[in-house]
Amino acid sequence: MSRHHTTRKPELEHELMRDPRLGFEPAGGSSVRCLQHGVPWPFDCWHYHDEYELQIINCSSGDAYVGNHIGRFEPGYVALVGGRLPHTWISDGVPPEGIADRSMVIHFRDEPLRKGVGLFPELEAVLPMLERAKLGVEFFGMGERVRERFARVQAQEGLARLSEFIGLLHELANWEDYRQISSAAGPLGEDPSANSRMRRVLDYLDQHLTEDLSLPAVCAVANMAESSFSRYFHKHMGSTFTDFVTRLRISKACEMLQVSDRLVSDICYEVGFSNLANFNRRFLQLKGMTPSAYRQQAQDRFGLRTAQNTPVAAAAA
């Protein structure tokens, strides 16, 4: 998680914390609530809530944490996250003045839609997507469509808003280019004090990722014995500490492969691996391809590198 976020970060985004001055719509006015916010943002932390969340990123890039997933987001990123699935989106390189309009968010509850199926059987078409969203779903190529839909939902009230929202759900449910985000739901309803401990651990990992991380040092940050910490970490993050650190380092490597032409060996050591063969082996296990193949795929799909960054352009210059 980002070391730059130092405001209080509650784990449960309780209704009492949703201050209208932060952009939250009042509770009770609609079953579909819209929110727009920038960064810094008090709820950019490892948290959960009872509602589904549709997250649309307008600007900035950074790290996406959903359940046990660690990945990247860019402008146009669209994700649907189920209720009580822990998540956060942390932007990189936020300027001192902040970013005014990073996110467009819609919150809605599961129960009204499922009850509505009994009255309106057409709604049943969205249920498979809602089931997938319990572990998070990322949609590709929908950024502009969903932004337009969001604007129409936000502009309406009452039945007109609900109609626009159902149209949005219909489009999401029929979109074929998506992927499941997490493979585990993560912590549900644990002691709120656990969040501050996990937050300290994740902040420490963010700050020391490229170093030789020792379990005793991390246990000291969590103020726990090693045996207890291992069980605690697995419960909260859905994986062992070692596997989580490996995934985090591979995620950082993916970011660097996307936006630069640096040697794979350089990236390997910079993200904290001490052995290139081990880096290549773990990358293949987690991503299903070599680092070089991943770099090419990222360029082909997202076009994240500019011509000025390529070896050919540099040689021509």
C-alpha atoms as a PDB file:
ATOM      1  CA  MET A   1       0.000   0.000   0.000  1.00  0.00           C
ATOM      2  CA  SER A   2       1.111   3.574  -0.482  1.00  0.00           C
ATOM      3  CA  ARG A   3       3.260   5.204   2.154  1.00  0.00           C
ATOM      4  CA  HIS A   4       1.808   8.602   1.236  1.00  0.00           C
ATOM      5  CA  HIS A   5      -1.603   7.963   2.789  1.00  0.00           C
ATOM      6  CA  THR A   6      -1.373   8.768   6.477  1.00  0.00           C
ATOM      7  CA  THR A   7      -4.941   9.759   7.428  1.00  0.00           C
ATOM      8  CA  ARG A   8      -7.044   7.400   9.567  1.00  0.00           C
ATOM      9  CA  LYS A   9      -8.017   4.361   7.507  1.00  0.00           C
ATOM     10  CA  PRO A  10     -10.933   2.344   8.920  1.00  0.00           C
ATOM     11  CA  GLU A  11     -11.410  -1.165   7.635  1.00  0.00           C
ATOM     12  CA  LEU A  12     -15.214  -1.095   7.596  1.00  0.00           C
ATOM     13  CA  GLU A  13     -16.593   1.752   5.505  1.00  0.00           C
ATOM     14  CA  HIS A  14     -19.546   2.275   7.829  1.00  0.00           C
ATOM     15  CA  GLU A  15     -22.505   4.401   6.793  1.00  0.00           C
ATOM     16  CA  LEU A  16     -21.757   6.858   9.598  1.00  0.00           C
ATOM     17  CA  MET A  17     -18.417   7.641   7.948  1.00  0.00           C
ATOM     18  CA  ARG A  18     -19.961   8.590   4.599  1.00  0.00           C
ATOM     19  CA  ASP A  19     -19.949  12.326   5.038  1.00  0.00           C
ATOM     20  CA  PRO A  20     -21.783  14.219   2.238  1.00  0.00           C
ATOM     21  CA  ARG A  21     -18.892  16.708   2.281  1.00  0.00           C
ATOM     22  CA  LEU A  22     -16.778  13.884   0.805  1.00  0.00           C
ATOM     23  CA  GLY A  23     -19.230  13.494  -2.075  1.00  0.00           C
ATOM     24  CA  PHE A  24     -21.420  10.704  -0.675  1.00  0.00           C
ATOM     25  CA  GLU A  25     -25.107  10.880  -1.510  1.00  0.00           C
ATOM     26  CA  PRO A  26     -27.423  10.694   1.527  1.00  0.00           C
ATOM     27  CA  ALA A  27     -28.586   7.251   2.606  1.00  0.00           C
ATOM     28  CA  GLY A  28     -32.193   6.310   1.899  1.00  0.00           C
ATOM     29  CA  GLY A  29     -32.645   8.549  -1.105  1.00  0.00           C
ATOM     30  CA  SER A  30     -31.976   5.807  -3.644  1.00  0.00           C
ATOM     31  CA  SER A  31     -31.020   2.148  -3.836  1.00  0.00           C
ATOM     32  CA  VAL A  32     -28.320   3.252  -6.287  1.00  0.00           C
ATOM     33  CA  ARG A  33     -25.815   5.776  -4.921  1.00  0.00           C
ATOM     34  CA  CYS A  34     -23.248   7.643  -6.986  1.00  0.00           C
ATOM     35  CA  LEU A  35     -19.966   9.102  -5.810  1.00  0.00           C
ATOM     36  CA  GLN A  36     -17.170  11.006  -7.508  1.00  0.00           C
ATOM     37  CA  HIS A  37     -13.892  11.676  -5.720  1.00  0.00           C
ATOM     38  CA  GLY A  38     -10.254  12.473  -6.229  1.00  0.00           C
ATOM     39  CA  VAL A  39      -7.070  11.733  -4.339  1.00  0.00           C
ATOM     40  CA  PRO A  40      -5.956  12.030  -1.604  1.00  0.00           C
ATOM     41  CA  TRP A  41      -9.134  10.334  -0.389  1.00  0.00           C
ATOM     42  CA  PRO A  42      -9.836   9.169   3.197  1.00  0.00           C
ATOM     43  CA  PHE A  43     -11.152   5.776   2.056  1.00  0.00           C
ATOM     44  CA  ASP A  44      -8.195   4.874  -0.164  1.00  0.00           C
ATOM     45  CA  CYS A  45      -7.258   2.090   2.207  1.00  0.00           C
ATOM     46  CA  TRP A  46      -7.709  -1.635   2.682  1.00  0.00           C
ATOM     47  CA  HIS A  47     -11.423  -1.654   3.485  1.00  0.00           C
ATOM     48  CA  TYR A  48     -14.762  -3.285   2.751  1.00  0.00           C
ATOM     49  CA  HIS A  49     -18.474  -2.483   2.882  1.00  0.00           C
ATOM     50  CA  ASP A  50     -21.765  -4.306   2.442  1.00  0.00           C
ATOM     51  CA  GLU A  51     -22.592  -2.896  -0.982  1.00  0.00           C
ATOM     52  CA  TYR A  52     -21.322  -3.853  -4.404  1.00  0.00           C
ATOM     53  CA  GLU A  53     -18.976  -1.206  -5.784  1.00  0.00           C
ATOM     54  CA  LEU A  54     -18.566  -0.299  -9.436  1.00  0.00           C
ATOM     55  CA  GLN A  55     -15.256   1.567  -9.733  1.00  0.00           C
ATOM     56  CA  ILE A  56     -14.335   3.609 -12.821  1.00  0.00           C
ATOM     57  CA  ILE A  57     -10.914   5.279 -12.975  1.00  0.00           C
ATOM     58  CA  ASN A  58     -10.908   8.614 -14.830  1.00  0.00           C
ATOM     59  CA  CYS A  59      -7.260   9.533 -14.433  1.00  0.00           C
ATOM     60  CA  SER A  60      -4.013   8.380 -12.767  1.00  0.00           C
ATOM     61  CA  SER A  61      -2.522   4.911 -12.607  1.00  0.00           C
ATOM     62  CA  GLY A  62      -1.572   2.829  -9.616  1.00  0.00           C
ATOM     63  CA  ASP A  63      -1.997  -0.429  -7.717  1.00  0.00           C
ATOM     64  CA  ALA A  64      -5.288  -2.318  -7.410  1.00  0.00           C
ATOM     65  CA  TYR A  65      -5.760  -4.543  -4.361  1.00  0.00           C
ATOM     66  CA  VAL A  66      -8.901  -6.718  -4.497  1.00  0.00           C
ATOM     67  CA  GLY A  67      -9.184  -9.763  -2.244  1.00  0.00           C
ATOM     68  CA  ASN A  68      -5.889 -11.582  -2.755  1.00  0.00           C
ATOM     69  CA  HIS A  69      -5.208  -9.876  -6.095  1.00  0.00           C
ATOM     70  CA  ILE A  70      -2.511  -7.296  -6.707  1.00  0.00           C
ATOM     71  CA  GLY A  71      -2.570  -5.615 -10.082  1.00  0.00           C
ATOM     72  CA  ARG A  72      -2.417  -2.343 -11.966  1.00  0.00           C
ATOM     73  CA  PHE A  73      -5.040   0.173 -12.972  1.00  0.00           C
ATOM     74  CA  GLU A  74      -4.929   2.841 -15.659  1.00  0.00           C
ATOM     75  CA  PRO A  75      -7.419   5.476 -16.867  1.00  0.00           C
ATOM     76  CA  GLY A  76     -10.461   3.643 -18.214  1.00  0.00           C
ATOM     77  CA  TYR A  77     -10.168   0.816 -15.646  1.00  0.00           C
ATOM     78  CA  VAL A  78     -13.594  -0.594 -14.706  1.00  0.00           C
ATOM     79  CA  ALA A  79     -14.143  -3.113 -11.900  1.00  0.00           C
ATOM     80  CA  LEU A  80     -17.162  -4.474 -10.045  1.00  0.00           C
ATOM     81  CA  VAL A  81     -16.443  -5.624  -6.489  1.00  0.00           C
ATOM     82  CA  GLY A  82     -18.892  -7.622  -4.393  1.00  0.00           C
ATOM     83  CA  GLY A  83     -20.058  -6.766  -0.905  1.00  0.00           C
ATOM     84  CA  ARG A  84     -17.569  -7.292   1.925  1.00  0.00           C
ATOM     85  CA  LEU A  85     -14.724  -8.074  -0.475  1.00  0.00           C
ATOM     86  CA  PRO A  86     -11.698  -6.061   0.752  1.00  0.00           C
ATOM     87  CA  HIS A  87     -10.319  -3.674  -1.829  1.00  0.00           C
ATOM     88  CA  THR A  88      -8.470  -0.435  -2.459  1.00  0.00           C
ATOM     89  CA  TRP A  89      -7.031   1.522  -5.369  1.00  0.00           C
ATOM     90  CA  ILE A  90      -3.851   3.496  -4.620  1.00  0.00           C
ATOM     91  CA  SER A  91      -2.714   6.072  -7.195  1.00  0.00           C
ATOM     92  CA  ASP A  92       0.954   6.631  -8.016  1.00  0.00           C
ATOM     93  CA  GLY A  93       2.667   9.989  -8.234  1.00  0.00           C
ATOM     94  CA  VAL A  94      -0.156  12.140  -6.895  1.00  0.00           C
ATOM     95  CA  PRO A  95       0.895  15.818  -7.213  1.00  0.00           C
ATOM     96  CA  PRO A  96       0.884  18.068  -4.121  1.00  0.00           C
ATOM     97  CA  GLU A  97      -2.385  19.664  -5.207  1.00  0.00           C
ATOM     98  CA  GLY A  98      -4.011  16.228  -5.553  1.00  0.00           C
ATOM     99  CA  ILE A  99      -6.238  14.902  -8.335  1.00  0.00           C
ATOM    100  CA  ALA A 100      -9.801  16.192  -8.317  1.00  0.00           C
ATOM    101  CA  ASP A 101     -11.665  13.544 -10.328  1.00  0.00           C
ATOM    102  CA  ARG A 102      -9.902  10.208 -10.171  1.00  0.00           C
ATOM    103  CA  SER A 103     -12.861   7.921  -9.528  1.00  0.00           C
ATOM    104  CA  MET A 104     -16.514   7.489 -10.432  1.00  0.00           C
ATOM    105  CA  VAL A 105     -18.240   5.022  -8.107  1.00  0.00           C
ATOM    106  CA  ILE A 106     -21.662   3.415  -7.852  1.00  0.00           C
ATOM    107  CA  HIS A 107     -22.748   1.560  -4.715  1.00  0.00           C
ATOM    108  CA  PHE A 108     -25.740  -0.786  -4.698  1.00  0.00           C
ATOM    109  CA  ARG A 109     -26.961  -3.658  -2.575  1.00  0.00           C
ATOM    110  CA  ASP A 110     -27.446  -7.272  -3.565  1.00  0.00           C
ATOM    111  CA  GLU A 111     -30.766  -8.017  -1.845  1.00  0.00           C
ATOM    112  CA  PRO A 112     -33.074  -5.631  -3.772  1.00  0.00           C
ATOM    113  CA  LEU A 113     -31.912  -7.002  -7.116  1.00  0.00           C
ATOM    114  CA  ARG A 114     -32.366 -10.625  -6.068  1.00  0.00           C
ATOM    115  CA  LYS A 115     -35.830  -9.898  -4.668  1.00  0.00           C
ATOM    116  CA  GLY A 116     -36.634  -8.040  -7.870  1.00  0.00           C
ATOM    117  CA  VAL A 117     -36.010 -11.183  -9.895  1.00  0.00           C
ATOM    118  CA  GLY A 118     -39.227 -12.618  -8.439  1.00  0.00           C
ATOM    119  CA  LEU A 119     -41.199  -9.710  -9.846  1.00  0.00           C
ATOM    120  CA  PHE A 120     -39.179  -8.985 -12.961  1.00  0.00           C
ATOM    121  CA  PRO A 121     -37.639 -12.209 -14.324  1.00  0.00           C
ATOM    122  CA  GLU A 122     -35.605 -10.172 -16.840  1.00  0.00           C
ATOM    123  CA  LEU A 123     -33.308  -9.224 -13.958  1.00  0.00           C
ATOM    124  CA  GLU A 124     -32.155 -12.832 -13.695  1.00  0.00           C
ATOM    125  CA  ALA A 125     -29.749 -12.149 -16.579  1.00  0.00           C
ATOM    126  CA  VAL A 126     -27.491 -10.106 -14.265  1.00  0.00           C
ATOM    127  CA  LEU A 127     -27.245 -12.714 -11.482  1.00  0.00           C
ATOM    128  CA  PRO A 128     -24.267 -14.630 -12.958  1.00  0.00           C
ATOM    129  CA  MET A 129     -22.306 -11.388 -13.114  1.00  0.00           C
ATOM    130  CA  LEU A 130     -23.191 -10.575  -9.502  1.00  0.00           C
ATOM    131  CA  GLU A 131     -21.931 -14.011  -8.490  1.00  0.00           C
ATOM    132  CA  ARG A 132     -18.643 -13.403 -10.312  1.00  0.00           C
ATOM    133  CA  ALA A 133     -18.352  -9.997  -8.682  1.00  0.00           C
ATOM    134  CA  LYS A 134     -18.160 -11.606  -5.243  1.00  0.00           C
ATOM    135  CA  LEU A 135     -14.486 -12.124  -6.138  1.00  0.00           C
ATOM    136  CA  GLY A 136     -14.270  -8.982  -8.257  1.00  0.00           C
ATOM    137  CA  VAL A 137     -14.572  -8.573 -12.029  1.00  0.00           C
ATOM    138  CA  GLU A 138     -12.462  -6.302 -14.249  1.00  0.00           C
ATOM    139  CA  PHE A 139     -13.959  -5.230 -17.576  1.00  0.00           C
ATOM    140  CA  PHE A 140     -11.733  -4.359 -20.541  1.00  0.00           C
ATOM    141  CA  GLY A 141     -12.526  -1.736 -23.145  1.00  0.00           C
ATOM    142  CA  MET A 142     -15.561  -0.334 -21.322  1.00  0.00           C
ATOM    143  CA  GLY A 143     -14.139   2.828 -19.786  1.00  0.00           C
ATOM    144  CA  GLU A 144     -15.835   5.377 -22.031  1.00  0.00           C
ATOM    145  CA  ARG A 145     -19.137   3.469 -22.182  1.00  0.00           C
ATOM    146  CA  VAL A 146     -19.340   3.183 -18.402  1.00  0.00           C
ATOM    147  CA  ARG A 147     -18.379   6.830 -17.869  1.00  0.00           C
ATOM    148  CA  GLU A 148     -21.260   7.867 -20.118  1.00  0.00           C
ATOM    149  CA  ARG A 149     -23.630   5.506 -18.334  1.00  0.00           C
ATOM    150  CA  PHE A 150     -22.478   6.784 -14.948  1.00  0.00           C
ATOM    151  CA  ALA A 151     -23.227  10.383 -15.955  1.00  0.00           C
ATOM    152  CA  ARG A 152     -26.751   9.415 -16.975  1.00  0.00           C
ATOM    153  CA  VAL A 153     -27.370   7.479 -13.750  1.00  0.00           C
ATOM    154  CA  GLN A 154     -26.017  10.309 -11.599  1.00  0.00           C
ATOM    155  CA  ALA A 155     -28.144  12.925 -13.384  1.00  0.00           C
ATOM    156  CA  GLN A 156     -31.417  11.113 -12.659  1.00  0.00           C
ATOM    157  CA  GLU A 157     -33.537  10.482  -9.583  1.00  0.00           C
ATOM    158  CA  GLY A 158     -36.152   7.947  -8.612  1.00  0.00           C
ATOM    159  CA  LEU A 159     -37.431   5.542 -11.227  1.00  0.00           C
ATOM    160  CA  ALA A 160     -35.448   7.257 -14.003  1.00  0.00           C
ATOM    161  CA  ARG A 161     -32.205   6.583 -12.112  1.00  0.00           C
ATOM    162  CA  LEU A 162     -33.135   2.963 -11.511  1.00  0.00           C
ATOM    163  CA  SER A 163     -33.931   2.543 -15.208  1.00  0.00           C
ATOM    164  CA  GLU A 164     -30.543   3.939 -16.251  1.00  0.00           C
ATOM    165  CA  PHE A 165     -28.792   1.738 -13.683  1.00  0.00           C
ATOM    166  CA  ILE A 166     -30.529  -1.438 -14.914  1.00  0.00           C
ATOM    167  CA  GLY A 167     -29.374  -0.513 -18.404  1.00  0.00           C
ATOM    168  CA  LEU A 168     -25.805  -0.239 -17.118  1.00  0.00           C
ATOM    169  CA  LEU A 169     -26.031  -3.634 -15.388  1.00  0.00           C
ATOM    170  CA  HIS A 170     -27.391  -5.143 -18.597  1.00  0.00           C
ATOM    171  CA  GLU A 171     -24.430  -3.831 -20.581  1.00  0.00           C
ATOM    172  CA  LEU A 172     -21.915  -5.092 -18.020  1.00  0.00           C
ATOM    173  CA  ALA A 173     -23.570  -8.510 -17.830  1.00  0.00           C
ATOM    174  CA  ASN A 174     -23.351  -8.914 -21.608  1.00  0.00           C
ATOM    175  CA  TRP A 175     -19.766  -7.688 -21.970  1.00  0.00           C
ATOM    176  CA  GLU A 176     -17.539 -10.602 -22.947  1.00  0.00           C
ATOM    177  CA  ASP A 177     -14.062  -9.116 -22.358  1.00  0.00           C
ATOM    178  CA  TYR A 178     -13.643  -9.461 -18.608  1.00  0.00           C
ATOM    179  CA  ARG A 179     -11.641 -11.400 -16.059  1.00  0.00           C
ATOM    180  CA  GLN A 180     -12.075 -12.555 -12.488  1.00  0.00           C
ATOM    181  CA  ILE A 181      -9.886 -10.455 -10.208  1.00  0.00           C
ATOM    182  CA  SER A 182      -9.429 -12.373  -6.946  1.00  0.00           C
ATOM    183  CA  SER A 183      -9.303 -16.080  -6.168  1.00  0.00           C
ATOM    184  CA  ALA A 184     -10.361 -15.664  -2.529  1.00  0.00           C
ATOM    185  CA  ALA A 185     -12.933 -13.473  -0.834  1.00  0.00           C
ATOM    186  CA  GLY A 186     -10.622 -12.360   1.976  1.00  0.00           C
ATOM    187  CA  PRO A 187     -11.496 -11.297   5.532  1.00  0.00           C
ATOM    188  CA  LEU A 188     -15.102 -10.804   6.555  1.00  0.00           C
ATOM    189  CA  GLY A 189     -16.128  -8.915   9.656  1.00  0.00           C
ATOM    190  CA  GLU A 190     -12.995  -9.370  11.728  1.00  0.00           C
ATOM    191  CA  ASP A 191     -12.002  -7.239  14.702  1.00  0.00           C
ATOM    192  CA  PRO A 192     -11.558  -3.634  13.472  1.00  0.00           C
ATOM    193  CA  SER A 193      -8.239  -3.486  15.326  1.00  0.00           C
ATOM    194  CA  ALA A 194      -6.916  -6.008  12.807  1.00  0.00           C
ATOM    195  CA  ASN A 195      -7.025  -3.380  10.093  1.00  0.00           C
ATOM    196  CA  SER A 196      -4.486  -1.085  11.722  1.00  0.00           C
ATOM    197  CA  ARG A 197      -2.123  -4.033  12.128  1.00  0.00           C
ATOM    198  CA  MET A 198      -2.535  -5.188   8.527  1.00  0.00           C
ATOM    199  CA  ARG A 199      -2.245  -1.620   7.329  1.00  0.00           C
ATOM    200  CA  ARG A 200       1.118  -1.283   9.095  1.00  0.00           C
ATOM    201  CA  VAL A 201       2.311  -4.530   7.519  1.00  0.00           C
ATOM    202  CA  LEU A 202       1.231  -3.520   3.994  1.00  0.00           C
ATOM    203  CA  ASP A 203       2.774  -0.067   4.366  1.00  0.00           C
ATOM    204  CA  TYR A 204       6.027  -1.678   5.516  1.00  0.00           C
ATOM    205  CA  LEU A 205       6.037  -4.037   2.538  1.00  0.00           C
ATOM    206  CA  ASP A 206       5.447  -1.133   0.178  1.00  0.00           C
ATOM    207  CA  GLN A 207       8.374   0.805   1.629  1.00  0.00           C
ATOM    208  CA  HIS A 208      10.821  -2.120   1.806  1.00  0.00           C
ATOM    209  CA  LEU A 209       9.748  -4.312  -1.113  1.00  0.00           C
ATOM    210  CA  THR A 210      13.095  -4.112  -2.915  1.00  0.00           C
ATOM    211  CA  GLU A 211      15.008  -5.115   0.208  1.00  0.00           C
ATOM    212  CA  ASP A 212      15.653  -8.527   1.718  1.00  0.00           C
ATOM    213  CA  LEU A 213      12.430  -8.763   3.709  1.00  0.00           C
ATOM    214  CA  SER A 214      12.797 -10.813   6.866  1.00  0.00           C
ATOM    215  CA  LEU A 215       9.835 -12.400   8.587  1.00  0.00           C
ATOM    216  CA  PRO A 216      11.048 -11.358  12.082  1.00  0.00           C
ATOM    217  CA  ALA A 217      11.151  -7.703  10.983  1.00  0.00           C
ATOM    218  CA  VAL A 218       7.620  -7.880   9.584  1.00  0.00           C
ATOM    219  CA  CYS A 219       6.389  -9.657  12.719  1.00  0.00           C
ATOM    220  CA  ALA A 220       7.849  -6.822  14.767  1.00  0.00           C
ATOM    221  CA  VAL A 221       5.839  -4.334  12.701  1.00  0.00           C
ATOM    222  CA  ALA A 222       2.688  -6.382  13.364  1.00  0.00           C
ATOM    223  CA  ASN A 223       3.681  -6.883  17.017  1.00  0.00           C
ATOM    224  CA  MET A 224       3.051 -10.615  16.731  1.00  0.00           C
ATOM    225  CA  ALA A 225       4.993 -13.836  17.217  1.00  0.00           C
ATOM    226  CA  GLU A 226       6.069 -15.524  13.974  1.00  0.00           C
ATOM    227  CA  SER A 227       3.782 -18.537  14.394  1.00  0.00           C
ATOM    228  CA  SER A 228       0.757 -16.346  15.121  1.00  0.00           C
ATOM    229  CA  PHE A 229       1.595 -13.913  12.337  1.00  0.00           C
ATOM    230  CA  SER A 230       1.786 -16.645   9.702  1.00  0.00           C
ATOM    231  CA  ARG A 231      -1.725 -17.855  10.561  1.00  0.00           C
ATOM    232  CA  TYR A 232      -3.027 -14.284  10.813  1.00  0.00           C
ATOM    233  CA  PHE A 233      -1.561 -13.243   7.468  1.00  0.00           C
ATOM    234  CA  HIS A 234      -2.913 -16.299   5.651  1.00  0.00           C
ATOM    235  CA  LYS A 235      -6.382 -15.706   7.085  1.00  0.00           C
ATOM    236  CA  HIS A 236      -6.463 -12.050   6.061  1.00  0.00           C
ATOM    237  CA  MET A 237      -4.721 -12.207   2.692  1.00  0.00           C
ATOM    238  CA  GLY A 238      -5.587 -15.703   1.480  1.00  0.00           C
ATOM    239  CA  SER A 239      -1.959 -16.744   0.962  1.00  0.00           C
ATOM    240  CA  THR A 240       1.282 -17.244   2.821  1.00  0.00           C
ATOM    241  CA  PHE A 241       3.460 -14.235   3.525  1.00  0.00           C
ATOM    242  CA  THR A 242       6.148 -15.486   1.131  1.00  0.00           C
ATOM    243  CA  ASP A 243       3.684 -16.042  -1.718  1.00  0.00           C
ATOM    244  CA  PHE A 244       2.110 -12.627  -1.167  1.00  0.00           C
ATOM    245  CA  VAL A 245       5.484 -10.863  -1.314  1.00  0.00           C
ATOM    246  CA  THR A 246       6.338 -12.786  -4.483  1.00  0.00           C
ATOM    247  CA  ARG A 247       3.058 -11.720  -6.126  1.00  0.00           C
ATOM    248  CA  LEU A 248       3.638  -8.142  -5.059  1.00  0.00           C
ATOM    249  CA  ARG A 249       7.138  -8.135  -6.548  1.00  0.00           C
ATOM    250  CA  ILE A 250       5.896  -9.709  -9.773  1.00  0.00           C
ATOM    251  CA  SER A 251       3.161  -7.044  -9.908  1.00  0.00           C
ATOM    252  CA  LYS A 252       5.785  -4.308  -9.625  1.00  0.00           C
ATOM    253  CA  ALA A 253       7.819  -6.027 -12.321  1.00  0.00           C
ATOM    254  CA  CYS A 254       4.759  -6.059 -14.591  1.00  0.00           C
ATOM    255  CA  GLU A 255       4.381  -2.331 -14.122  1.00  0.00           C
ATOM    256  CA  MET A 256       7.995  -1.743 -15.095  1.00  0.00           C
ATOM    257  CA  LEU A 257       7.754  -4.078 -18.080  1.00  0.00           C
ATOM    258  CA  GLN A 258       4.715  -2.141 -19.304  1.00  0.00           C
ATOM    259  CA  VAL A 259       6.165   1.339 -19.143  1.00  0.00           C
ATOM    260  CA  SER A 260       9.881   0.889 -19.883  1.00  0.00           C
ATOM    261  CA  ASP A 261      12.375  -0.978 -22.038  1.00  0.00           C
ATOM    262  CA  ARG A 262      14.734  -1.742 -19.176  1.00  0.00           C
ATOM    263  CA  LEU A 263      16.460  -5.105 -19.219  1.00  0.00           C
ATOM    264  CA  VAL A 264      14.515  -7.923 -17.597  1.00  0.00           C
ATOM    265  CA  SER A 265      17.536  -8.661 -15.417  1.00  0.00           C
ATOM    266  CA  ASP A 266      17.576  -5.067 -14.120  1.00  0.00           C
ATOM    267  CA  ILE A 267      13.884  -5.219 -13.304  1.00  0.00           C
ATOM    268  CA  CYS A 268      14.368  -8.566 -11.565  1.00  0.00           C
ATOM    269  CA  TYR A 269      16.840  -7.155  -9.057  1.00  0.00           C
ATOM    270  CA  GLU A 270      15.048  -3.837  -8.624  1.00  0.00           C
ATOM    271  CA  VAL A 271      11.813  -5.472  -7.455  1.00  0.00           C
ATOM    272  CA  GLY A 272      13.658  -7.543  -4.863  1.00  0.00           C
ATOM    273  CA  PHE A 273      14.584 -10.860  -6.499  1.00  0.00           C
ATOM    274  CA  SER A 274      18.172 -11.961  -6.014  1.00  0.00           C
ATOM    275  CA  ASN A 275      18.168 -14.629  -8.726  1.00  0.00           C
ATOM    276  CA  LEU A 276      17.153 -14.125 -12.365  1.00  0.00           C
ATOM    277  CA  ALA A 277      16.286 -17.790 -12.924  1.00  0.00           C
ATOM    278  CA  ASN A 278      13.959 -17.760  -9.916  1.00  0.00           C
ATOM    279  CA  PHE A 279      12.374 -14.508 -11.107  1.00  0.00           C
ATOM    280  CA  ASN A 280      11.697 -15.968 -14.559  1.00  0.00           C
ATOM    281  CA  ARG A 281      10.301 -19.171 -13.075  1.00  0.00           C
ATOM    282  CA  ARG A 282       7.933 -17.386 -10.669  1.00  0.00           C
ATOM    283  CA  PHE A 283       6.853 -14.908 -13.337  1.00  0.00           C
ATOM    284  CA  LEU A 284       5.932 -17.797 -15.642  1.00  0.00           C
ATOM    285  CA  GLN A 285       4.019 -19.524 -12.840  1.00  0.00           C
ATOM    286  CA  LEU A 286       1.995 -16.439 -11.935  1.00  0.00           C
ATOM    287  CA  LYS A 287       1.473 -14.849 -15.344  1.00  0.00           C
ATOM    288  CA  GLY A 288       1.563 -17.877 -17.630  1.00  0.00           C
ATOM    289  CA  MET A 289       4.206 -16.309 -19.873  1.00  0.00           C
ATOM    290  CA  THR A 290       7.759 -15.016 -19.786  1.00  0.00           C
ATOM    291  CA  PRO A 291       8.523 -11.399 -18.819  1.00  0.00           C
ATOM    292  CA  SER A 292       9.403 -10.586 -22.432  1.00  0.00           C
ATOM    293  CA  ALA A 293       6.140 -12.052 -23.702  1.00  0.00           C
ATOM    294  CA  TYR A 294       4.229 -10.116 -21.044  1.00  0.00           C
ATOM    295  CA  ARG A 295       5.919  -6.882 -22.127  1.00  0.00           C
ATOM    296  CA  GLN A 296       4.937  -7.493 -25.756  1.00  0.00           C
ATOM    297  CA  GLN A 297       1.354  -8.386 -24.841  1.00  0.00           C
ATOM    298  CA  ALA A 298       0.998  -5.278 -22.681  1.00  0.00           C
ATOM    299  CA  GLN A 299       2.266  -3.123 -25.521  1.00  0.00           C
ATOM    300  CA  ASP A 300      -0.048  -4.775 -28.050  1.00  0.00           C
ATOM    301  CA  ARG A 301      -3.109  -4.477 -25.823  1.00  0.00           C
ATOM    302  CA  PHE A 302      -2.666  -1.248 -23.930  1.00  0.00           C
ATOM    303  CA  GLY A 303       0.007   0.652 -25.855  1.00  0.00           C
ATOM    304  CA  LEU A 304       1.507   1.854 -22.593  1.00  0.00           C
ATOM    305  CA  ARG A 305       4.983   2.573 -23.926  1.00  0.00           C
ATOM    306  CA  THR A 306       5.598   5.437 -26.312  1.00  0.00           C
ATOM    307  CA  ALA A 307       7.740   5.295 -29.417  1.00  0.00           C
ATOM    308  CA  GLN A 308      10.297   7.480 -27.653  1.00  0.00           C
ATOM    309  CA  ASN A 309      10.892   4.683 -25.137  1.00  0.00           C
ATOM    310  CA  THR A 310      11.682   1.972 -27.650  1.00  0.00           C
ATOM    311  CA  PRO A 311      15.235   0.908 -28.514  1.00  0.00           C
ATOM    312  CA  VAL A 312      14.610   1.635 -32.213  1.00  0.00           C
ATOM    313  CA  ALA A 313      13.506   5.197 -31.491  1.00  0.00           C
ATOM    314  CA  ALA A 314      16.415   5.733 -29.133  1.00  0.00           C
ATOM    315  CA  ALA A 315      18.877   4.501 -31.749  1.00  0.00           C
ATOM    316  CA  ALA A 316      17.317   6.722 -34.392  1.00  0.00           C
ATOM    317  CA  ALA A 317      17.668   9.719 -32.101  1.00  0.00           C
END
